[in-house]
PDB file of N, CA and C in Angstrom:
ATOM      1  N   UNK A   1     121.437 141.899 201.192  1.00  0.00           N
ATOM      2  CA  UNK A   1     119.946 141.650 201.115  1.00  0.00           C
ATOM      3  C   UNK A   1     119.576 140.475 200.814  1.00  0.00           C
ATOM      4  N   UNK A   2     118.777 139.776 201.550  1.00  0.00           N
ATOM      5  CA  UNK A   2     118.256 138.518 201.369  1.00  0.00           C
ATOM      6  C   UNK A   2     117.847 138.311 200.027  1.00  0.00           C
ATOM      7  N   UNK A   3     117.701 137.399 199.316  1.00  0.00           N
ATOM      8  CA  UNK A   3     117.011 136.930 198.378  1.00  0.00           C
ATOM      9  C   UNK A   3     115.504 136.440 198.678  1.00  0.00           C
ATOM     10  N   UNK A   4     114.497 136.987 198.033  1.00  0.00           N
ATOM     11  CA  UNK A   4     113.256 136.462 198.090  1.00  0.00           C
ATOM     12  C   UNK A   4     112.971 135.466 197.531  1.00  0.00           C
ATOM     13  N   UNK A   5     112.608 134.441 197.599  1.00  0.00           N
ATOM     14  CA  UNK A   5     112.507 133.157 196.720  1.00  0.00           C
ATOM     15  C   UNK A   5     111.266 132.619 197.296  1.00  0.00           C
ATOM     16  N   UNK A   6     110.408 132.197 196.169  1.00  0.00           N
ATOM     17  CA  UNK A   6     109.212 131.370 196.410  1.00  0.00           C
ATOM     18  C   UNK A   6     108.861 130.303 195.454  1.00  0.00           C
ATOM     19  N   UNK A   7     108.208 129.240 196.005  1.00  0.00           N
ATOM     20  CA  UNK A   7     107.832 127.995 195.198  1.00  0.00           C
ATOM     21  C   UNK A   7     106.514 128.453 195.162  1.00  0.00           C
ATOM     22  N   UNK A   8     105.829 128.097 194.037  1.00  0.00           N
ATOM     23  CA  UNK A   8     104.507 128.177 193.769  1.00  0.00           C
ATOM     24  C   UNK A   8     103.962 126.681 193.522  1.00  0.00           C
ATOM     25  N   UNK A   9     103.287 125.989 194.456  1.00  0.00           N
ATOM     26  CA  UNK A   9     103.067 124.668 194.345  1.00  0.00           C
ATOM     27  C   UNK A   9     101.741 124.687 193.805  1.00  0.00           C
ATOM     28  N   UNK A  10     101.583 123.812 192.819  1.00  0.00           N
ATOM     29  CA  UNK A  10     100.304 123.745 191.967  1.00  0.00           C
ATOM     30  C   UNK A  10     100.340 124.711 190.912  1.00  0.00           C
ATOM     31  N   UNK A  11     101.502 125.268 190.412  1.00  0.00           N
ATOM     32  CA  UNK A  11     101.476 126.246 189.213  1.00  0.00           C
ATOM     33  C   UNK A  11     100.624 125.982 188.184  1.00  0.00           C
ATOM     34  N   UNK A  12     100.141 126.803 187.471  1.00  0.00           N
ATOM     35  CA  UNK A  12      99.413 126.443 186.267  1.00  0.00           C
ATOM     36  C   UNK A  12      99.755 127.606 185.137  1.00  0.00           C
ATOM     37  N   UNK A  13      99.733 127.189 183.941  1.00  0.00           N
ATOM     38  CA  UNK A  13      99.980 128.040 182.805  1.00  0.00           C
ATOM     39  C   UNK A  13      98.747 129.018 182.408  1.00  0.00           C
ATOM     40  N   UNK A  14      97.825 128.421 183.005  1.00  0.00           N
ATOM     41  CA  UNK A  14      96.520 129.369 182.645  1.00  0.00           C
ATOM     42  C   UNK A  14      96.338 130.665 183.379  1.00  0.00           C
ATOM     43  N   UNK A  15      96.434 131.723 182.687  1.00  0.00           N
ATOM     44  CA  UNK A  15      96.589 132.873 183.218  1.00  0.00           C
ATOM     45  C   UNK A  15      95.539 133.581 184.005  1.00  0.00           C
ATOM     46  N   UNK A  16      94.264 132.593 183.946  1.00  0.00           N
ATOM     47  CA  UNK A  16      93.099 132.975 184.884  1.00  0.00           C
ATOM     48  C   UNK A  16      93.256 132.577 186.093  1.00  0.00           C
ATOM     49  N   UNK A  17      94.173 131.312 186.371  1.00  0.00           N
ATOM     50  CA  UNK A  17      94.363 130.768 187.493  1.00  0.00           C
ATOM     51  C   UNK A  17      94.915 131.397 188.637  1.00  0.00           C
ATOM     52  N   UNK A  18      94.647 131.329 189.821  1.00  0.00           N
ATOM     53  CA  UNK A  18      95.339 132.238 190.884  1.00  0.00           C
ATOM     54  C   UNK A  18      96.910 131.752 191.198  1.00  0.00           C
ATOM     55  N   UNK A  19      97.192 130.389 191.030  1.00  0.00           N
ATOM     56  CA  UNK A  19      98.359 130.045 190.943  1.00  0.00           C
ATOM     57  C   UNK A  19      99.395 130.956 190.133  1.00  0.00           C
ATOM     58  N   UNK A  20      98.826 131.016 188.693  1.00  0.00           N
ATOM     59  CA  UNK A  20      99.607 131.671 187.762  1.00  0.00           C
ATOM     60  C   UNK A  20      99.782 133.348 188.076  1.00  0.00           C
ATOM     61  N   UNK A  21      98.441 133.711 188.770  1.00  0.00           N
ATOM     62  CA  UNK A  21      98.491 135.375 189.034  1.00  0.00           C
ATOM     63  C   UNK A  21      99.700 135.386 190.364  1.00  0.00           C
ATOM     64  N   UNK A  22      99.768 134.265 191.024  1.00  0.00           N
ATOM     65  CA  UNK A  22     100.763 134.358 192.159  1.00  0.00           C
ATOM     66  C   UNK A  22     102.106 134.293 191.530  1.00  0.00           C
ATOM     67  N   UNK A  23     102.307 133.593 190.546  1.00  0.00           N
ATOM     68  CA  UNK A  23     103.898 133.675 189.966  1.00  0.00           C
ATOM     69  C   UNK A  23     104.161 135.170 189.422  1.00  0.00           C
ATOM     70  N   UNK A  24     103.175 135.630 188.665  1.00  0.00           N
ATOM     71  CA  UNK A  24     103.230 137.179 188.028  1.00  0.00           C
ATOM     72  C   UNK A  24     103.582 138.084 189.321  1.00  0.00           C
ATOM     73  N   UNK A  25     102.685 137.939 190.355  1.00  0.00           N
ATOM     74  CA  UNK A  25     102.601 139.079 191.511  1.00  0.00           C
ATOM     75  C   UNK A  25     103.801 138.906 192.216  1.00  0.00           C
ATOM     76  N   UNK A  26     104.351 137.612 192.497  1.00  0.00           N
ATOM     77  CA  UNK A  26     105.414 137.594 193.187  1.00  0.00           C
ATOM     78  C   UNK A  26     106.601 138.145 192.401  1.00  0.00           C
ATOM     79  N   UNK A  27     106.957 137.847 191.318  1.00  0.00           N
ATOM     80  CA  UNK A  27     107.738 138.210 190.222  1.00  0.00           C
ATOM     81  C   UNK A  27     107.849 139.707 190.106  1.00  0.00           C
ATOM     82  N   UNK A  28     106.620 140.461 190.154  1.00  0.00           N
ATOM     83  CA  UNK A  28     106.577 141.754 189.963  1.00  0.00           C
ATOM     84  C   UNK A  28     107.153 142.539 191.087  1.00  0.00           C
ATOM     85  N   UNK A  29     107.001 141.795 192.223  1.00  0.00           N
ATOM     86  CA  UNK A  29     107.348 142.488 193.352  1.00  0.00           C
ATOM     87  C   UNK A  29     108.829 142.027 193.789  1.00  0.00           C
ATOM     88  N   UNK A  30     109.585 141.526 193.153  1.00  0.00           N
ATOM     89  CA  UNK A  30     110.976 141.315 193.194  1.00  0.00           C
ATOM     90  C   UNK A  30     111.294 139.873 193.768  1.00  0.00           C
ATOM     91  N   UNK A  31     110.443 138.892 193.899  1.00  0.00           N
ATOM     92  CA  UNK A  31     110.777 137.574 194.196  1.00  0.00           C
ATOM     93  C   UNK A  31     111.221 136.825 192.933  1.00  0.00           C
ATOM     94  N   UNK A  32     112.350 135.993 193.443  1.00  0.00           N
ATOM     95  CA  UNK A  32     112.575 134.915 192.668  1.00  0.00           C
ATOM     96  C   UNK A  32     111.682 133.688 192.700  1.00  0.00           C
ATOM     97  N   UNK A  33     111.167 133.380 191.427  1.00  0.00           N
ATOM     98  CA  UNK A  33     109.822 132.431 191.419  1.00  0.00           C
ATOM     99  C   UNK A  33     110.177 131.023 190.909  1.00  0.00           C
ATOM    100  N   UNK A  34     109.720 130.130 191.586  1.00  0.00           N
ATOM    101  CA  UNK A  34     109.975 128.672 191.086  1.00  0.00           C
ATOM    102  C   UNK A  34     108.652 127.893 191.165  1.00  0.00           C
ATOM    103  N   UNK A  35     108.281 127.751 189.761  1.00  0.00           N
ATOM    104  CA  UNK A  35     106.623 127.105 189.681  1.00  0.00           C
ATOM    105  C   UNK A  35     107.122 125.686 189.985  1.00  0.00           C
ATOM    106  N   UNK A  36     106.039 124.922 190.525  1.00  0.00           N
ATOM    107  CA  UNK A  36     106.053 123.421 191.064  1.00  0.00           C
ATOM    108  C   UNK A  36     104.928 122.795 190.267  1.00  0.00           C
ATOM    109  N   UNK A  37     105.004 121.703 189.401  1.00  0.00           N
ATOM    110  CA  UNK A  37     104.012 121.079 188.959  1.00  0.00           C
ATOM    111  C   UNK A  37     104.667 119.847 188.405  1.00  0.00           C
ATOM    112  N   UNK A  38     103.927 118.726 188.743  1.00  0.00           N
ATOM    113  CA  UNK A  38     104.669 117.295 188.288  1.00  0.00           C
ATOM    114  C   UNK A  38     104.666 117.301 186.886  1.00  0.00           C
ATOM    115  N   UNK A  39     103.890 118.213 186.007  1.00  0.00           N
ATOM    116  CA  UNK A  39     104.060 117.971 184.617  1.00  0.00           C
ATOM    117  C   UNK A  39     105.022 118.596 183.857  1.00  0.00           C
ATOM    118  N   UNK A  40     105.783 119.308 184.894  1.00  0.00           N
ATOM    119  CA  UNK A  40     107.064 120.258 184.326  1.00  0.00           C
ATOM    120  C   UNK A  40     106.895 121.266 183.218  1.00  0.00           C
ATOM    121  N   UNK A  41     107.617 121.414 182.533  1.00  0.00           N
ATOM    122  CA  UNK A  41     107.626 122.466 181.284  1.00  0.00           C
ATOM    123  C   UNK A  41     108.060 123.775 181.872  1.00  0.00           C
ATOM    124  N   UNK A  42     107.335 124.777 181.205  1.00  0.00           N
ATOM    125  CA  UNK A  42     107.609 126.343 181.611  1.00  0.00           C
ATOM    126  C   UNK A  42     106.330 126.987 181.618  1.00  0.00           C
ATOM    127  N   UNK A  43     106.235 128.144 182.633  1.00  0.00           N
ATOM    128  CA  UNK A  43     105.230 128.876 182.827  1.00  0.00           C
ATOM    129  C   UNK A  43     105.768 130.138 183.131  1.00  0.00           C
ATOM    130  N   UNK A  44     105.118 131.084 182.303  1.00  0.00           N
ATOM    131  CA  UNK A  44     105.591 132.521 182.510  1.00  0.00           C
ATOM    132  C   UNK A  44     107.147 132.697 182.296  1.00  0.00           C
ATOM    133  N   UNK A  45     107.683 131.877 181.573  1.00  0.00           N
ATOM    134  CA  UNK A  45     109.307 132.007 181.135  1.00  0.00           C
ATOM    135  C   UNK A  45     109.906 131.374 182.390  1.00  0.00           C
ATOM    136  N   UNK A  46     109.489 130.658 183.125  1.00  0.00           N
ATOM    137  CA  UNK A  46     110.304 130.156 184.166  1.00  0.00           C
ATOM    138  C   UNK A  46     110.054 128.556 184.181  1.00  0.00           C
ATOM    139  N   UNK A  47     111.280 127.957 184.328  1.00  0.00           N
ATOM    140  CA  UNK A  47     111.072 126.305 184.389  1.00  0.00           C
ATOM    141  C   UNK A  47     110.311 126.028 185.378  1.00  0.00           C
ATOM    142  N   UNK A  48     109.628 124.941 185.042  1.00  0.00           N
ATOM    143  CA  UNK A  48     108.775 124.136 186.048  1.00  0.00           C
ATOM    144  C   UNK A  48     109.510 123.183 186.587  1.00  0.00           C
ATOM    145  N   UNK A  49     109.433 123.033 188.078  1.00  0.00           N
ATOM    146  CA  UNK A  49     110.053 121.998 188.789  1.00  0.00           C
ATOM    147  C   UNK A  49     109.090 121.023 188.849  1.00  0.00           C
ATOM    148  N   UNK A  50     109.348 119.533 188.771  1.00  0.00           N
ATOM    149  CA  UNK A  50     108.462 118.635 188.915  1.00  0.00           C
ATOM    150  C   UNK A  50     108.135 118.129 190.546  1.00  0.00           C
ATOM    151  N   UNK A  51     108.946 118.529 191.517  1.00  0.00           N
ATOM    152  CA  UNK A  51     109.030 118.454 192.772  1.00  0.00           C
ATOM    153  C   UNK A  51     109.626 119.406 193.490  1.00  0.00           C
ATOM    154  N   UNK A  52     109.270 120.268 194.504  1.00  0.00           N
ATOM    155  CA  UNK A  52     109.630 121.037 195.325  1.00  0.00           C
ATOM    156  C   UNK A  52     111.214 120.902 195.633  1.00  0.00           C
ATOM    157  N   UNK A  53     111.330 119.596 195.890  1.00  0.00           N
ATOM    158  CA  UNK A  53     112.784 119.003 196.344  1.00  0.00           C
ATOM    159  C   UNK A  53     113.630 119.248 195.321  1.00  0.00           C
ATOM    160  N   UNK A  54     113.416 119.585 194.187  1.00  0.00           N
ATOM    161  CA  UNK A  54     114.354 119.761 192.881  1.00  0.00           C
ATOM    162  C   UNK A  54     114.887 121.103 192.819  1.00  0.00           C
ATOM    163  N   UNK A  55     114.266 122.156 193.532  1.00  0.00           N
ATOM    164  CA  UNK A  55     114.456 123.276 193.558  1.00  0.00           C
ATOM    165  C   UNK A  55     115.958 123.649 194.045  1.00  0.00           C
ATOM    166  N   UNK A  56     116.922 124.270 193.294  1.00  0.00           N
ATOM    167  CA  UNK A  56     118.259 124.538 193.803  1.00  0.00           C
ATOM    168  C   UNK A  56     118.520 125.622 194.668  1.00  0.00           C
ATOM    169  N   UNK A  57     117.623 126.028 195.490  1.00  0.00           N
ATOM    170  CA  UNK A  57     117.744 127.280 196.308  1.00  0.00           C
ATOM    171  C   UNK A  57     117.023 127.139 197.640  1.00  0.00           C
ATOM    172  N   UNK A  58     117.460 127.949 198.626  1.00  0.00           N
ATOM    173  CA  UNK A  58     116.580 128.010 199.779  1.00  0.00           C
ATOM    174  C   UNK A  58     115.473 128.810 199.706  1.00  0.00           C
ATOM    175  N   UNK A  59     114.379 128.254 200.019  1.00  0.00           N
ATOM    176  CA  UNK A  59     113.058 128.695 199.994  1.00  0.00           C
ATOM    177  C   UNK A  59     112.775 129.757 201.186  1.00  0.00           C
ATOM    178  N   UNK A  60     112.373 131.041 201.006  1.00  0.00           N
ATOM    179  CA  UNK A  60     111.872 131.812 201.862  1.00  0.00           C
ATOM    180  C   UNK A  60     110.423 131.323 202.210  1.00  0.00           C
ATOM    181  N   UNK A  61     109.724 131.163 200.824  1.00  0.00           N
ATOM    182  CA  UNK A  61     108.269 131.058 201.038  1.00  0.00           C
ATOM    183  C   UNK A  61     107.824 129.975 200.130  1.00  0.00           C
ATOM    184  N   UNK A  62     106.737 129.207 200.748  1.00  0.00           N
ATOM    185  CA  UNK A  62     106.029 128.045 199.575  1.00  0.00           C
ATOM    186  C   UNK A  62     104.592 128.554 199.820  1.00  0.00           C
ATOM    187  N   UNK A  63     103.965 128.731 198.596  1.00  0.00           N
ATOM    188  CA  UNK A  63     102.563 129.160 198.459  1.00  0.00           C
ATOM    189  C   UNK A  63     101.898 128.116 197.644  1.00  0.00           C
ATOM    190  N   UNK A  64     100.996 127.472 198.560  1.00  0.00           N
ATOM    191  CA  UNK A  64     100.200 126.168 197.759  1.00  0.00           C
ATOM    192  C   UNK A  64      98.845 126.486 197.120  1.00  0.00           C
ATOM    193  N   UNK A  65      98.770 126.111 196.036  1.00  0.00           N
ATOM    194  CA  UNK A  65      97.517 126.337 195.278  1.00  0.00           C
ATOM    195  C   UNK A  65      97.040 124.926 194.810  1.00  0.00           C
ATOM    196  N   UNK A  66      96.795 123.922 195.657  1.00  0.00           N
ATOM    197  CA  UNK A  66      96.689 122.622 195.397  1.00  0.00           C
ATOM    198  C   UNK A  66      95.173 122.173 196.117  1.00  0.00           C
ATOM    199  N   UNK A  67      94.177 121.400 195.729  1.00  0.00           N
ATOM    200  CA  UNK A  67      93.043 121.024 196.361  1.00  0.00           C
ATOM    201  C   UNK A  67      93.864 120.487 197.799  1.00  0.00           C
ATOM    202  N   UNK A  68      92.918 120.446 198.922  1.00  0.00           N
ATOM    203  CA  UNK A  68      93.607 120.114 200.042  1.00  0.00           C
ATOM    204  C   UNK A  68      93.897 118.510 199.993  1.00  0.00           C
ATOM    205  N   UNK A  69      93.062 117.726 199.488  1.00  0.00           N
ATOM    206  CA  UNK A  69      93.327 116.409 199.142  1.00  0.00           C
ATOM    207  C   UNK A  69      94.655 115.882 198.333  1.00  0.00           C
ATOM    208  N   UNK A  70      94.911 116.507 197.577  1.00  0.00           N
ATOM    209  CA  UNK A  70      96.238 116.589 196.958  1.00  0.00           C
ATOM    210  C   UNK A  70      97.385 117.372 197.620  1.00  0.00           C
ATOM    211  N   UNK A  71      97.280 118.439 198.154  1.00  0.00           N
ATOM    212  CA  UNK A  71      98.380 119.075 199.219  1.00  0.00           C
ATOM    213  C   UNK A  71      98.693 118.073 200.159  1.00  0.00           C
ATOM    214  N   UNK A  72      98.037 117.433 200.788  1.00  0.00           N
ATOM    215  CA  UNK A  72      98.267 116.659 202.153  1.00  0.00           C
ATOM    216  C   UNK A  72      99.398 115.922 201.627  1.00  0.00           C
ATOM    217  N   UNK A  73      99.397 115.415 200.246  1.00  0.00           N
ATOM    218  CA  UNK A  73     100.388 114.437 199.837  1.00  0.00           C
ATOM    219  C   UNK A  73     101.635 115.095 199.428  1.00  0.00           C
ATOM    220  N   UNK A  74     101.753 116.549 199.316  1.00  0.00           N
ATOM    221  CA  UNK A  74     103.117 117.037 199.212  1.00  0.00           C
ATOM    222  C   UNK A  74     103.540 117.759 200.394  1.00  0.00           C
ATOM    223  N   UNK A  75     102.927 117.588 201.506  1.00  0.00           N
ATOM    224  CA  UNK A  75     103.235 118.277 202.774  1.00  0.00           C
ATOM    225  C   UNK A  75     104.794 117.715 203.079  1.00  0.00           C
ATOM    226  N   UNK A  76     104.842 116.341 203.170  1.00  0.00           N
ATOM    227  CA  UNK A  76     106.394 116.010 203.636  1.00  0.00           C
ATOM    228  C   UNK A  76     107.536 116.530 202.611  1.00  0.00           C
ATOM    229  N   UNK A  77     107.239 116.652 201.344  1.00  0.00           N
ATOM    230  CA  UNK A  77     108.189 117.416 200.642  1.00  0.00           C
ATOM    231  C   UNK A  77     108.615 118.802 201.037  1.00  0.00           C
ATOM    232  N   UNK A  78     107.360 119.628 201.304  1.00  0.00           N
ATOM    233  CA  UNK A  78     107.557 120.859 201.596  1.00  0.00           C
ATOM    234  C   UNK A  78     108.284 121.023 202.990  1.00  0.00           C
ATOM    235  N   UNK A  79     107.952 120.099 203.995  1.00  0.00           N
ATOM    236  CA  UNK A  79     108.659 120.018 205.397  1.00  0.00           C
ATOM    237  C   UNK A  79     109.959 119.768 205.091  1.00  0.00           C
ATOM    238  N   UNK A  80     110.343 118.873 204.211  1.00  0.00           N
ATOM    239  CA  UNK A  80     111.783 118.593 203.867  1.00  0.00           C
ATOM    240  C   UNK A  80     112.739 119.610 203.561  1.00  0.00           C
ATOM    241  N   UNK A  81     111.988 120.714 202.762  1.00  0.00           N
ATOM    242  CA  UNK A  81     112.989 121.910 202.397  1.00  0.00           C
ATOM    243  C   UNK A  81     112.845 122.864 203.439  1.00  0.00           C
ATOM    244  N   UNK A  82     112.032 122.839 204.399  1.00  0.00           N
ATOM    245  CA  UNK A  82     111.951 123.854 205.586  1.00  0.00           C
ATOM    246  C   UNK A  82     111.928 125.305 205.057  1.00  0.00           C
ATOM    247  N   UNK A  83     110.904 125.696 204.529  1.00  0.00           N
ATOM    248  CA  UNK A  83     110.806 127.038 203.897  1.00  0.00           C
ATOM    249  C   UNK A  83     110.549 127.872 205.292  1.00  0.00           C
ATOM    250  N   UNK A  84     110.817 129.184 205.036  1.00  0.00           N
ATOM    251  CA  UNK A  84     110.553 130.243 206.404  1.00  0.00           C
ATOM    252  C   UNK A  84     109.022 130.231 206.444  1.00  0.00           C
ATOM    253  N   UNK A  85     108.387 130.338 205.389  1.00  0.00           N
ATOM    254  CA  UNK A  85     106.796 130.654 205.481  1.00  0.00           C
ATOM    255  C   UNK A  85     106.220 129.544 204.638  1.00  0.00           C
ATOM    256  N   UNK A  86     105.209 129.091 204.967  1.00  0.00           N
ATOM    257  CA  UNK A  86     104.326 128.280 204.103  1.00  0.00           C
ATOM    258  C   UNK A  86     102.662 128.852 204.114  1.00  0.00           C
ATOM    259  N   UNK A  87     102.584 129.203 202.926  1.00  0.00           N
ATOM    260  CA  UNK A  87     101.194 129.860 202.808  1.00  0.00           C
ATOM    261  C   UNK A  87     100.252 129.045 202.276  1.00  0.00           C
ATOM    262  N   UNK A  88      99.160 128.840 202.742  1.00  0.00           N
ATOM    263  CA  UNK A  88      97.983 127.889 202.212  1.00  0.00           C
ATOM    264  C   UNK A  88      96.979 128.868 201.750  1.00  0.00           C
ATOM    265  N   UNK A  89      96.805 129.124 200.357  1.00  0.00           N
ATOM    266  CA  UNK A  89      95.857 130.054 199.967  1.00  0.00           C
ATOM    267  C   UNK A  89      94.374 129.756 199.990  1.00  0.00           C
ATOM    268  N   UNK A  90      93.419 130.498 199.812  1.00  0.00           N
ATOM    269  CA  UNK A  90      91.957 130.397 199.713  1.00  0.00           C
ATOM    270  C   UNK A  90      91.962 129.193 198.803  1.00  0.00           C
ATOM    271  N   UNK A  91      90.932 128.218 199.381  1.00  0.00           N
ATOM    272  CA  UNK A  91      90.520 127.107 198.566  1.00  0.00           C
ATOM    273  C   UNK A  91      91.521 125.871 198.532  1.00  0.00           C
ATOM    274  N   UNK A  92      92.706 126.247 199.394  1.00  0.00           N
ATOM    275  CA  UNK A  92      93.637 124.977 199.516  1.00  0.00           C
ATOM    276  C   UNK A  92      93.543 124.408 200.855  1.00  0.00           C
ATOM    277  N   UNK A  93      92.932 124.933 201.556  1.00  0.00           N
ATOM    278  CA  UNK A  93      92.984 124.546 203.122  1.00  0.00           C
ATOM    279  C   UNK A  93      91.854 123.532 203.309  1.00  0.00           C
ATOM    280  N   UNK A  94      91.959 122.802 204.291  1.00  0.00           N
ATOM    281  CA  UNK A  94      91.180 121.983 205.140  1.00  0.00           C
ATOM    282  C   UNK A  94      91.715 121.696 206.530  1.00  0.00           C
ATOM    283  N   UNK A  95      90.610 121.512 207.447  1.00  0.00           N
ATOM    284  CA  UNK A  95      91.644 121.188 208.914  1.00  0.00           C
ATOM    285  C   UNK A  95      92.362 119.981 209.117  1.00  0.00           C
ATOM    286  N   UNK A  96      92.139 118.978 207.968  1.00  0.00           N
ATOM    287  CA  UNK A  96      93.135 117.868 207.732  1.00  0.00           C
ATOM    288  C   UNK A  96      94.487 118.383 207.269  1.00  0.00           C
ATOM    289  N   UNK A  97      94.722 119.261 206.534  1.00  0.00           N
ATOM    290  CA  UNK A  97      95.674 119.840 205.765  1.00  0.00           C
ATOM    291  C   UNK A  97      96.610 120.455 206.802  1.00  0.00           C
ATOM    292  N   UNK A  98      95.676 121.533 207.478  1.00  0.00           N
ATOM    293  CA  UNK A  98      96.530 122.306 208.518  1.00  0.00           C
ATOM    294  C   UNK A  98      97.093 121.428 209.526  1.00  0.00           C
ATOM    295  N   UNK A  99      96.255 120.506 209.915  1.00  0.00           N
ATOM    296  CA  UNK A  99      96.788 119.760 211.280  1.00  0.00           C
ATOM    297  C   UNK A  99      97.762 118.887 210.740  1.00  0.00           C
ATOM    298  N   UNK A 100      97.954 118.285 209.475  1.00  0.00           N
ATOM    299  CA  UNK A 100      98.903 117.589 208.874  1.00  0.00           C
ATOM    300  C   UNK A 100      99.992 118.271 208.887  1.00  0.00           C
ATOM    301  N   UNK A 101     100.047 119.688 208.356  1.00  0.00           N
ATOM    302  CA  UNK A 101     101.117 120.447 208.232  1.00  0.00           C
ATOM    303  C   UNK A 101     101.839 120.775 209.575  1.00  0.00           C
ATOM    304  N   UNK A 102     101.034 121.126 210.519  1.00  0.00           N
ATOM    305  CA  UNK A 102     101.436 121.335 211.844  1.00  0.00           C
ATOM    306  C   UNK A 102     102.303 120.306 212.361  1.00  0.00           C
ATOM    307  N   UNK A 103     101.792 118.889 212.308  1.00  0.00           N
ATOM    308  CA  UNK A 103     102.456 117.683 212.645  1.00  0.00           C
ATOM    309  C   UNK A 103     103.768 117.574 212.071  1.00  0.00           C
ATOM    310  N   UNK A 104     104.189 118.057 211.034  1.00  0.00           N
ATOM    311  CA  UNK A 104     105.190 117.985 210.224  1.00  0.00           C
ATOM    312  C   UNK A 104     106.216 119.094 210.594  1.00  0.00           C
ATOM    313  N   UNK A 105     105.856 119.962 211.604  1.00  0.00           N
ATOM    314  CA  UNK A 105     106.663 121.159 211.963  1.00  0.00           C
ATOM    315  C   UNK A 105     106.452 122.403 211.241  1.00  0.00           C
ATOM    316  N   UNK A 106     105.497 122.523 210.068  1.00  0.00           N
ATOM    317  CA  UNK A 106     105.116 123.606 209.386  1.00  0.00           C
ATOM    318  C   UNK A 106     104.299 124.439 210.178  1.00  0.00           C
ATOM    319  N   UNK A 107     104.234 125.811 209.870  1.00  0.00           N
ATOM    320  CA  UNK A 107     103.249 126.738 210.378  1.00  0.00           C
ATOM    321  C   UNK A 107     102.656 127.539 209.320  1.00  0.00           C
ATOM    322  N   UNK A 108     101.549 126.793 208.923  1.00  0.00           N
ATOM    323  CA  UNK A 108     100.611 127.221 207.867  1.00  0.00           C
ATOM    324  C   UNK A 108     100.147 128.757 208.005  1.00  0.00           C
ATOM    325  N   UNK A 109     100.260 129.629 207.194  1.00  0.00           N
ATOM    326  CA  UNK A 109      99.545 130.916 207.089  1.00  0.00           C
ATOM    327  C   UNK A 109      98.479 130.679 206.098  1.00  0.00           C
ATOM    328  N   UNK A 110      97.213 130.788 206.641  1.00  0.00           N
ATOM    329  CA  UNK A 110      96.038 130.778 205.718  1.00  0.00           C
ATOM    330  C   UNK A 110      95.491 132.016 205.336  1.00  0.00           C
ATOM    331  N   UNK A 111      96.293 132.422 204.171  1.00  0.00           N
ATOM    332  CA  UNK A 111      95.829 133.956 203.637  1.00  0.00           C
ATOM    333  C   UNK A 111      96.346 133.703 202.171  1.00  0.00           C
ATOM    334  N   UNK A 112      95.959 135.001 201.433  1.00  0.00           N
ATOM    335  CA  UNK A 112      96.344 134.979 200.185  1.00  0.00           C
ATOM    336  C   UNK A 112      97.591 135.706 199.952  1.00  0.00           C
ATOM    337  N   UNK A 113      98.830 134.816 199.253  1.00  0.00           N
ATOM    338  CA  UNK A 113     100.167 135.249 199.271  1.00  0.00           C
ATOM    339  C   UNK A 113      99.875 136.391 198.297  1.00  0.00           C
ATOM    340  N   UNK A 114      99.428 136.496 197.278  1.00  0.00           N
ATOM    341  CA  UNK A 114      99.294 137.494 196.378  1.00  0.00           C
ATOM    342  C   UNK A 114      99.112 138.965 197.003  1.00  0.00           C
ATOM    343  N   UNK A 115      97.923 138.930 197.867  1.00  0.00           N
ATOM    344  CA  UNK A 115      97.642 139.995 198.712  1.00  0.00           C
ATOM    345  C   UNK A 115      98.812 140.716 199.469  1.00  0.00           C
ATOM    346  N   UNK A 116      99.727 139.588 200.068  1.00  0.00           N
ATOM    347  CA  UNK A 116     100.779 139.869 201.036  1.00  0.00           C
ATOM    348  C   UNK A 116     101.891 140.472 200.410  1.00  0.00           C
ATOM    349  N   UNK A 117     101.896 140.201 199.098  1.00  0.00           N
ATOM    350  CA  UNK A 117     103.118 141.008 198.411  1.00  0.00           C
ATOM    351  C   UNK A 117     102.728 142.243 197.949  1.00  0.00           C
ATOM    352  N   UNK A 118     101.290 142.682 198.232  1.00  0.00           N
ATOM    353  CA  UNK A 118     101.084 144.046 197.792  1.00  0.00           C
ATOM    354  C   UNK A 118     100.257 144.298 196.684  1.00  0.00           C
ATOM    355  N   UNK A 119      99.478 143.240 196.227  1.00  0.00           N
ATOM    356  CA  UNK A 119      98.722 143.176 195.001  1.00  0.00           C
ATOM    357  C   UNK A 119      97.508 142.573 195.187  1.00  0.00           C
ATOM    358  N   UNK A 120      96.611 143.016 194.198  1.00  0.00           N
ATOM    359  CA  UNK A 120      95.284 142.166 194.280  1.00  0.00           C
ATOM    360  C   UNK A 120      95.267 141.353 192.987  1.00  0.00           C
ATOM    361  N   UNK A 121      94.560 140.201 193.371  1.00  0.00           N
ATOM    362  CA  UNK A 121      94.533 139.439 191.985  1.00  0.00           C
ATOM    363  C   UNK A 121      93.844 139.945 190.803  1.00  0.00           C
ATOM    364  N   UNK A 122      92.836 141.045 191.133  1.00  0.00           N
ATOM    365  CA  UNK A 122      92.016 141.807 190.069  1.00  0.00           C
ATOM    366  C   UNK A 122      93.147 142.413 189.192  1.00  0.00           C
ATOM    367  N   UNK A 123      94.240 142.838 189.863  1.00  0.00           N
ATOM    368  CA  UNK A 123      95.175 143.359 189.119  1.00  0.00           C
ATOM    369  C   UNK A 123      96.030 142.585 187.943  1.00  0.00           C
ATOM    370  N   UNK A 124      95.918 141.395 188.224  1.00  0.00           N
ATOM    371  CA  UNK A 124      96.436 140.613 187.188  1.00  0.00           C
ATOM    372  C   UNK A 124      95.677 139.592 186.159  1.00  0.00           C
ATOM    373  N   UNK A 125      94.639 140.382 185.684  1.00  0.00           N
ATOM    374  CA  UNK A 125      93.837 139.903 184.579  1.00  0.00           C
ATOM    375  C   UNK A 125      94.851 139.390 183.544  1.00  0.00           C
ATOM    376  N   UNK A 126      94.147 138.642 182.755  1.00  0.00           N
ATOM    377  CA  UNK A 126      94.818 138.116 181.535  1.00  0.00           C
ATOM    378  C   UNK A 126      95.544 139.188 180.664  1.00  0.00           C
TER     379      UNK A 126
END
């Protein structure tokens, strides 16, 4: 059985943030979660990777929760790890980011990855 791995880019320890809810939703649904934030540390019991390139596993999914202007800057790192899926969550998208992702060979999915795993963000209140 294939391991379901996800990097949550823009991960936050703030349980009201959608990136934190994404960590919890993916974990509850059986995914191995790798939070990514340049500050490092720990979120929801997981070590935080400062760069997606530091994750020691093949990623099935990357789920982005960064403002588009910031997200554009990490697209080359995401492309370098070649995830099977690249999710751009609501609020993280812009035409420029989507075009830049496509230019790097990524196929952005513009939708909520929390809903995709079968949960609602409302189920993940603090």
